[in-house]
Amino acid sequence: MLDERILKFIKKEHLASICVIKDDGTPHAFSAFYAFNSDEISLFIASDESTEHIKAIKNRPEISGTIALNTLIVGKIRGVQFNGTISVAEDVENYFKRFVFAKSMNAKIYKILLKSIKFTDNTLGFGTKILWQRS
Protein backbone atom coordinates (compact mmCIF):
# COMPACT_ATOMS: atom_id res chain seq x y z
CA MET A 1 0.00 0.00 0.00
CA LEU A 2 1.25 3.46 -0.90
CA ASP A 3 2.05 5.73 2.05
CA GLU A 4 -0.55 8.51 2.37
CA ARG A 5 2.17 11.20 2.33
CA ILE A 6 3.47 9.97 -1.03
CA LEU A 7 -0.07 9.72 -2.38
CA LYS A 8 -0.93 13.27 -1.31
CA PHE A 9 2.28 14.70 -2.81
CA ILE A 10 1.92 13.00 -6.21
CA LYS A 11 -1.76 13.99 -6.46
CA LYS A 12 -0.94 17.64 -5.72
CA GLU A 13 1.81 18.06 -8.31
CA HIS A 14 1.42 17.86 -12.09
CA LEU A 15 4.85 17.86 -13.81
CA ALA A 16 7.31 14.96 -13.99
CA SER A 17 10.83 14.79 -15.40
CA ILE A 18 11.33 11.42 -17.05
CA CYS A 19 14.36 9.65 -18.51
CA VAL A 20 14.45 6.90 -21.14
CA ILE A 21 17.37 5.10 -22.78
CA LYS A 22 17.60 5.38 -26.57
CA ASP A 23 18.59 2.44 -28.79
CA ASP A 24 22.20 3.65 -28.95
CA GLY A 25 22.38 3.57 -25.14
CA THR A 26 22.25 7.31 -24.54
CA PRO A 27 19.82 8.70 -21.99
CA HIS A 28 17.11 11.11 -23.07
CA ALA A 29 15.20 13.23 -20.55
CA PHE A 30 11.89 15.03 -21.03
CA SER A 31 9.20 16.69 -18.95
CA ALA A 32 5.50 15.90 -19.07
CA PHE A 33 2.26 16.82 -17.36
CA TYR A 34 0.86 13.74 -15.65
CA ALA A 35 -2.37 12.43 -14.19
CA PHE A 36 -2.07 9.98 -11.32
CA ASN A 37 -4.10 6.80 -10.87
CA SER A 38 -3.88 5.85 -7.19
CA ASP A 39 -5.72 2.53 -7.65
CA GLU A 40 -2.99 0.99 -9.80
CA ILE A 41 -0.23 3.43 -8.79
CA SER A 42 0.50 4.73 -12.27
CA LEU A 43 1.05 8.00 -14.10
CA PHE A 44 -0.51 8.97 -17.42
CA ILE A 45 1.24 11.31 -19.84
CA ALA A 46 0.48 12.58 -23.34
CA SER A 47 3.05 12.58 -26.12
CA ASP A 48 3.49 12.36 -29.86
CA GLU A 49 4.82 9.21 -31.50
CA SER A 50 7.46 11.21 -33.37
CA THR A 51 9.29 12.33 -30.20
CA GLU A 52 12.69 10.90 -29.23
CA HIS A 53 11.37 9.55 -25.96
CA ILE A 54 8.44 7.68 -27.50
CA LYS A 55 10.71 6.20 -30.17
CA ALA A 56 13.02 5.05 -27.35
CA ILE A 57 10.35 3.27 -25.33
CA LYS A 58 9.38 0.99 -28.20
CA ASN A 59 12.47 -1.14 -27.52
CA ARG A 60 13.19 -0.11 -23.93
CA PRO A 61 10.06 0.58 -21.89
CA GLU A 62 11.91 1.00 -18.60
CA ILE A 63 11.94 4.59 -17.35
CA SER A 64 12.98 6.60 -14.33
CA GLY A 65 11.89 10.02 -13.23
CA THR A 66 11.29 12.65 -10.62
CA ILE A 67 8.50 14.85 -9.36
CA ALA A 68 9.77 17.72 -7.24
CA LEU A 69 8.42 20.69 -5.35
CA ASN A 70 9.92 23.91 -6.72
CA THR A 71 11.58 25.53 -3.68
CA LEU A 72 14.88 27.12 -2.70
CA ILE A 73 14.31 26.47 1.01
CA VAL A 74 16.20 23.31 2.01
CA GLY A 75 13.84 22.58 4.89
CA LYS A 76 10.88 22.47 2.50
CA ILE A 77 12.40 20.15 -0.14
CA ARG A 78 9.97 17.39 -1.10
CA GLY A 79 9.95 15.08 -4.08
CA VAL A 80 9.83 11.57 -5.47
CA GLN A 81 12.20 9.55 -7.55
CA PHE A 82 10.54 6.67 -9.37
CA ASN A 83 11.13 3.73 -11.69
CA GLY A 84 8.59 2.01 -13.88
CA THR A 85 7.60 0.80 -17.30
CA ILE A 86 5.73 2.78 -19.94
CA SER A 87 3.23 1.60 -22.54
CA VAL A 88 0.32 2.94 -24.58
CA ALA A 89 -2.63 3.51 -22.23
CA GLU A 90 -5.97 1.86 -22.76
CA ASP A 91 -7.91 3.97 -20.25
CA VAL A 92 -7.26 7.62 -21.14
CA GLU A 93 -10.12 9.37 -19.33
CA ASN A 94 -8.04 9.90 -16.18
CA TYR A 95 -5.66 12.07 -18.18
CA PHE A 96 -8.35 14.05 -20.01
CA LYS A 97 -10.19 14.77 -16.75
CA ARG A 98 -7.12 16.56 -15.41
CA PHE A 99 -5.97 18.14 -18.69
CA VAL A 100 -9.07 18.88 -20.75
CA PHE A 101 -7.03 20.89 -23.27
CA ALA A 102 -5.18 17.71 -24.28
CA LYS A 103 -8.25 16.44 -26.13
CA SER A 104 -7.54 18.99 -28.86
CA MET A 105 -3.96 17.77 -29.28
CA ASN A 106 -3.03 14.96 -31.61
CA ALA A 107 -1.28 13.00 -28.88
CA LYS A 108 -1.39 9.48 -27.55
CA ILE A 109 -1.76 8.78 -23.87
CA TYR A 110 0.85 6.57 -22.22
CA LYS A 111 0.74 4.82 -18.87
CA ILE A 112 3.75 4.57 -16.55
CA LEU A 113 3.24 1.66 -14.20
CA LEU A 114 5.30 2.65 -11.17
CA LYS A 115 7.52 -0.09 -9.73
CA SER A 116 9.34 1.81 -6.99
CA ILE A 117 9.17 5.23 -5.35
CA LYS A 118 11.54 7.04 -3.02
CA PHE A 119 9.90 10.06 -1.39
CA THR A 120 12.19 12.64 0.19
CA ASP A 121 10.47 15.03 2.58
CA ASN A 122 12.64 17.46 4.53
CA THR A 123 9.57 18.84 6.30
CA LEU A 124 9.59 15.57 8.29
CA GLY A 125 13.27 16.04 9.20
CA PHE A 126 16.29 16.65 7.00
CA GLY A 127 16.82 13.78 4.55
CA THR A 128 13.72 11.81 5.58
CA LYS A 129 12.97 9.14 2.98
CA ILE A 130 9.90 6.95 2.59
CA LEU A 131 10.23 3.97 0.24
CA TRP A 132 7.60 2.04 -1.70
CA GLN A 133 8.13 -1.04 -3.87
CA ARG A 134 5.53 -2.85 -5.98
CA SER A 135 5.14 -6.40 -4.65
C-alpha atoms as a PDB file:
ATOM      1  CA  MET A   1       0.000   0.000   0.000  1.00  0.00           C
ATOM      2  CA  LEU A   2       1.246   3.456  -0.904  1.00  0.00           C
ATOM      3  CA  ASP A   3       2.045   5.732   2.050  1.00  0.00           C
ATOM      4  CA  GLU A   4      -0.551   8.507   2.374  1.00  0.00           C
ATOM      5  CA  ARG A   5       2.174  11.204   2.333  1.00  0.00           C
ATOM      6  CA  ILE A   6       3.467   9.974  -1.033  1.00  0.00           C
ATOM      7  CA  LEU A   7      -0.069   9.722  -2.380  1.00  0.00           C
ATOM      8  CA  LYS A   8      -0.931  13.274  -1.312  1.00  0.00           C
ATOM      9  CA  PHE A   9       2.275  14.700  -2.808  1.00  0.00           C
ATOM     10  CA  ILE A  10       1.917  12.999  -6.210  1.00  0.00           C
ATOM     11  CA  LYS A  11      -1.758  13.992  -6.456  1.00  0.00           C
ATOM     12  CA  LYS A  12      -0.942  17.643  -5.715  1.00  0.00           C
ATOM     13  CA  GLU A  13       1.814  18.062  -8.307  1.00  0.00           C
ATOM     14  CA  HIS A  14       1.425  17.859 -12.090  1.00  0.00           C
ATOM     15  CA  LEU A  15       4.854  17.862 -13.811  1.00  0.00           C
ATOM     16  CA  ALA A  16       7.308  14.958 -13.987  1.00  0.00           C
ATOM     17  CA  SER A  17      10.826  14.788 -15.396  1.00  0.00           C
ATOM     18  CA  ILE A  18      11.330  11.416 -17.050  1.00  0.00           C
ATOM     19  CA  CYS A  19      14.355   9.648 -18.511  1.00  0.00           C
ATOM     20  CA  VAL A  20      14.451   6.902 -21.143  1.00  0.00           C
ATOM     21  CA  ILE A  21      17.366   5.099 -22.785  1.00  0.00           C
ATOM     22  CA  LYS A  22      17.600   5.378 -26.574  1.00  0.00           C
ATOM     23  CA  ASP A  23      18.589   2.437 -28.794  1.00  0.00           C
ATOM     24  CA  ASP A  24      22.195   3.652 -28.951  1.00  0.00           C
ATOM     25  CA  GLY A  25      22.381   3.572 -25.138  1.00  0.00           C
ATOM     26  CA  THR A  26      22.253   7.310 -24.543  1.00  0.00           C
ATOM     27  CA  PRO A  27      19.818   8.697 -21.991  1.00  0.00           C
ATOM     28  CA  HIS A  28      17.111  11.110 -23.072  1.00  0.00           C
ATOM     29  CA  ALA A  29      15.200  13.232 -20.553  1.00  0.00           C
ATOM     30  CA  PHE A  30      11.895  15.032 -21.026  1.00  0.00           C
ATOM     31  CA  SER A  31       9.198  16.689 -18.946  1.00  0.00           C
ATOM     32  CA  ALA A  32       5.500  15.897 -19.072  1.00  0.00           C
ATOM     33  CA  PHE A  33       2.260  16.823 -17.358  1.00  0.00           C
ATOM     34  CA  TYR A  34       0.856  13.741 -15.650  1.00  0.00           C
ATOM     35  CA  ALA A  35      -2.371  12.433 -14.188  1.00  0.00           C
ATOM     36  CA  PHE A  36      -2.075   9.979 -11.321  1.00  0.00           C
ATOM     37  CA  ASN A  37      -4.095   6.798 -10.867  1.00  0.00           C
ATOM     38  CA  SER A  38      -3.882   5.848  -7.189  1.00  0.00           C
ATOM     39  CA  ASP A  39      -5.717   2.535  -7.655  1.00  0.00           C
ATOM     40  CA  GLU A  40      -2.992   0.995  -9.801  1.00  0.00           C
ATOM     41  CA  ILE A  41      -0.231   3.426  -8.785  1.00  0.00           C
ATOM     42  CA  SER A  42       0.505   4.729 -12.269  1.00  0.00           C
ATOM     43  CA  LEU A  43       1.051   7.999 -14.101  1.00  0.00           C
ATOM     44  CA  PHE A  44      -0.509   8.966 -17.423  1.00  0.00           C
ATOM     45  CA  ILE A  45       1.244  11.309 -19.838  1.00  0.00           C
ATOM     46  CA  ALA A  46       0.484  12.583 -23.340  1.00  0.00           C
ATOM     47  CA  SER A  47       3.049  12.584 -26.124  1.00  0.00           C
ATOM     48  CA  ASP A  48       3.485  12.361 -29.856  1.00  0.00           C
ATOM     49  CA  GLU A  49       4.825   9.212 -31.501  1.00  0.00           C
ATOM     50  CA  SER A  50       7.465  11.213 -33.375  1.00  0.00           C
ATOM     51  CA  THR A  51       9.291  12.326 -30.198  1.00  0.00           C
ATOM     52  CA  GLU A  52      12.689  10.905 -29.235  1.00  0.00           C
ATOM     53  CA  HIS A  53      11.370   9.553 -25.956  1.00  0.00           C
ATOM     54  CA  ILE A  54       8.442   7.684 -27.498  1.00  0.00           C
ATOM     55  CA  LYS A  55      10.714   6.202 -30.166  1.00  0.00           C
ATOM     56  CA  ALA A  56      13.024   5.055 -27.350  1.00  0.00           C
ATOM     57  CA  ILE A  57      10.349   3.268 -25.328  1.00  0.00           C
ATOM     58  CA  LYS A  58       9.377   0.993 -28.197  1.00  0.00           C
ATOM     59  CA  ASN A  59      12.473  -1.140 -27.517  1.00  0.00           C
ATOM     60  CA  ARG A  60      13.195  -0.113 -23.925  1.00  0.00           C
ATOM     61  CA  PRO A  61      10.055   0.584 -21.890  1.00  0.00           C
ATOM     62  CA  GLU A  62      11.912   0.995 -18.596  1.00  0.00           C
ATOM     63  CA  ILE A  63      11.941   4.589 -17.350  1.00  0.00           C
ATOM     64  CA  SER A  64      12.981   6.601 -14.334  1.00  0.00           C
ATOM     65  CA  GLY A  65      11.894  10.021 -13.234  1.00  0.00           C
ATOM     66  CA  THR A  66      11.293  12.654 -10.618  1.00  0.00           C
ATOM     67  CA  ILE A  67       8.496  14.853  -9.361  1.00  0.00           C
ATOM     68  CA  ALA A  68       9.772  17.724  -7.240  1.00  0.00           C
ATOM     69  CA  LEU A  69       8.421  20.686  -5.351  1.00  0.00           C
ATOM     70  CA  ASN A  70       9.915  23.914  -6.716  1.00  0.00           C
ATOM     71  CA  THR A  71      11.575  25.534  -3.678  1.00  0.00           C
ATOM     72  CA  LEU A  72      14.882  27.125  -2.703  1.00  0.00           C
ATOM     73  CA  ILE A  73      14.309  26.466   1.007  1.00  0.00           C
ATOM     74  CA  VAL A  74      16.204  23.308   2.009  1.00  0.00           C
ATOM     75  CA  GLY A  75      13.840  22.575   4.888  1.00  0.00           C
ATOM     76  CA  LYS A  76      10.883  22.466   2.498  1.00  0.00           C
ATOM     77  CA  ILE A  77      12.395  20.152  -0.144  1.00  0.00           C
ATOM     78  CA  ARG A  78       9.971  17.393  -1.098  1.00  0.00           C
ATOM     79  CA  GLY A  79       9.945  15.077  -4.079  1.00  0.00           C
ATOM     80  CA  VAL A  80       9.826  11.574  -5.465  1.00  0.00           C
ATOM     81  CA  GLN A  81      12.199   9.546  -7.551  1.00  0.00           C
ATOM     82  CA  PHE A  82      10.544   6.674  -9.369  1.00  0.00           C
ATOM     83  CA  ASN A  83      11.132   3.735 -11.686  1.00  0.00           C
ATOM     84  CA  GLY A  84       8.590   2.012 -13.875  1.00  0.00           C
ATOM     85  CA  THR A  85       7.602   0.799 -17.305  1.00  0.00           C
ATOM     86  CA  ILE A  86       5.728   2.782 -19.937  1.00  0.00           C
ATOM     87  CA  SER A  87       3.230   1.605 -22.541  1.00  0.00           C
ATOM     88  CA  VAL A  88       0.317   2.939 -24.582  1.00  0.00           C
ATOM     89  CA  ALA A  89      -2.631   3.508 -22.231  1.00  0.00           C
ATOM     90  CA  GLU A  90      -5.974   1.859 -22.758  1.00  0.00           C
ATOM     91  CA  ASP A  91      -7.906   3.969 -20.246  1.00  0.00           C
ATOM     92  CA  VAL A  92      -7.262   7.621 -21.143  1.00  0.00           C
ATOM     93  CA  GLU A  93     -10.124   9.370 -19.327  1.00  0.00           C
ATOM     94  CA  ASN A  94      -8.042   9.895 -16.178  1.00  0.00           C
ATOM     95  CA  TYR A  95      -5.660  12.068 -18.184  1.00  0.00           C
ATOM     96  CA  PHE A  96      -8.345  14.046 -20.015  1.00  0.00           C
ATOM     97  CA  LYS A  97     -10.188  14.769 -16.747  1.00  0.00           C
ATOM     98  CA  ARG A  98      -7.120  16.561 -15.413  1.00  0.00           C
ATOM     99  CA  PHE A  99      -5.970  18.142 -18.687  1.00  0.00           C
ATOM    100  CA  VAL A 100      -9.066  18.877 -20.748  1.00  0.00           C
ATOM    101  CA  PHE A 101      -7.026  20.894 -23.272  1.00  0.00           C
ATOM    102  CA  ALA A 102      -5.181  17.707 -24.278  1.00  0.00           C
ATOM    103  CA  LYS A 103      -8.254  16.441 -26.129  1.00  0.00           C
ATOM    104  CA  SER A 104      -7.539  18.993 -28.860  1.00  0.00           C
ATOM    105  CA  MET A 105      -3.959  17.774 -29.278  1.00  0.00           C
ATOM    106  CA  ASN A 106      -3.032  14.955 -31.607  1.00  0.00           C
ATOM    107  CA  ALA A 107      -1.278  13.004 -28.878  1.00  0.00           C
ATOM    108  CA  LYS A 108      -1.394   9.480 -27.550  1.00  0.00           C
ATOM    109  CA  ILE A 109      -1.756   8.777 -23.868  1.00  0.00           C
ATOM    110  CA  TYR A 110       0.853   6.571 -22.220  1.00  0.00           C
ATOM    111  CA  LYS A 111       0.740   4.818 -18.866  1.00  0.00           C
ATOM    112  CA  ILE A 112       3.751   4.569 -16.553  1.00  0.00           C
ATOM    113  CA  LEU A 113       3.242   1.655 -14.196  1.00  0.00           C
ATOM    114  CA  LEU A 114       5.302   2.647 -11.167  1.00  0.00           C
ATOM    115  CA  LYS A 115       7.519  -0.090  -9.735  1.00  0.00           C
ATOM    116  CA  SER A 116       9.336   1.812  -6.994  1.00  0.00           C
ATOM    117  CA  ILE A 117       9.170   5.231  -5.348  1.00  0.00           C
ATOM    118  CA  LYS A 118      11.542   7.043  -3.017  1.00  0.00           C
ATOM    119  CA  PHE A 119       9.900  10.061  -1.389  1.00  0.00           C
ATOM    120  CA  THR A 120      12.191  12.637   0.192  1.00  0.00           C
ATOM    121  CA  ASP A 121      10.466  15.031   2.581  1.00  0.00           C
ATOM    122  CA  ASN A 122      12.645  17.460   4.531  1.00  0.00           C
ATOM    123  CA  THR A 123       9.566  18.835   6.300  1.00  0.00           C
ATOM    124  CA  LEU A 124       9.592  15.567   8.294  1.00  0.00           C
ATOM    125  CA  GLY A 125      13.268  16.041   9.195  1.00  0.00           C
ATOM    126  CA  PHE A 126      16.289  16.648   7.000  1.00  0.00           C
ATOM    127  CA  GLY A 127      16.823  13.780   4.550  1.00  0.00           C
ATOM    128  CA  THR A 128      13.719  11.810   5.583  1.00  0.00           C
ATOM    129  CA  LYS A 129      12.967   9.144   2.980  1.00  0.00           C
ATOM    130  CA  ILE A 130       9.898   6.948   2.588  1.00  0.00           C
ATOM    131  CA  LEU A 131      10.226   3.969   0.240  1.00  0.00           C
ATOM    132  CA  TRP A 132       7.597   2.037  -1.699  1.00  0.00           C
ATOM    133  CA  GLN A 133       8.128  -1.040  -3.868  1.00  0.00           C
ATOM    134  CA  ARG A 134       5.534  -2.848  -5.978  1.00  0.00           C
ATOM    135  CA  SER A 135       5.139  -6.397  -4.651  1.00  0.00           C
END
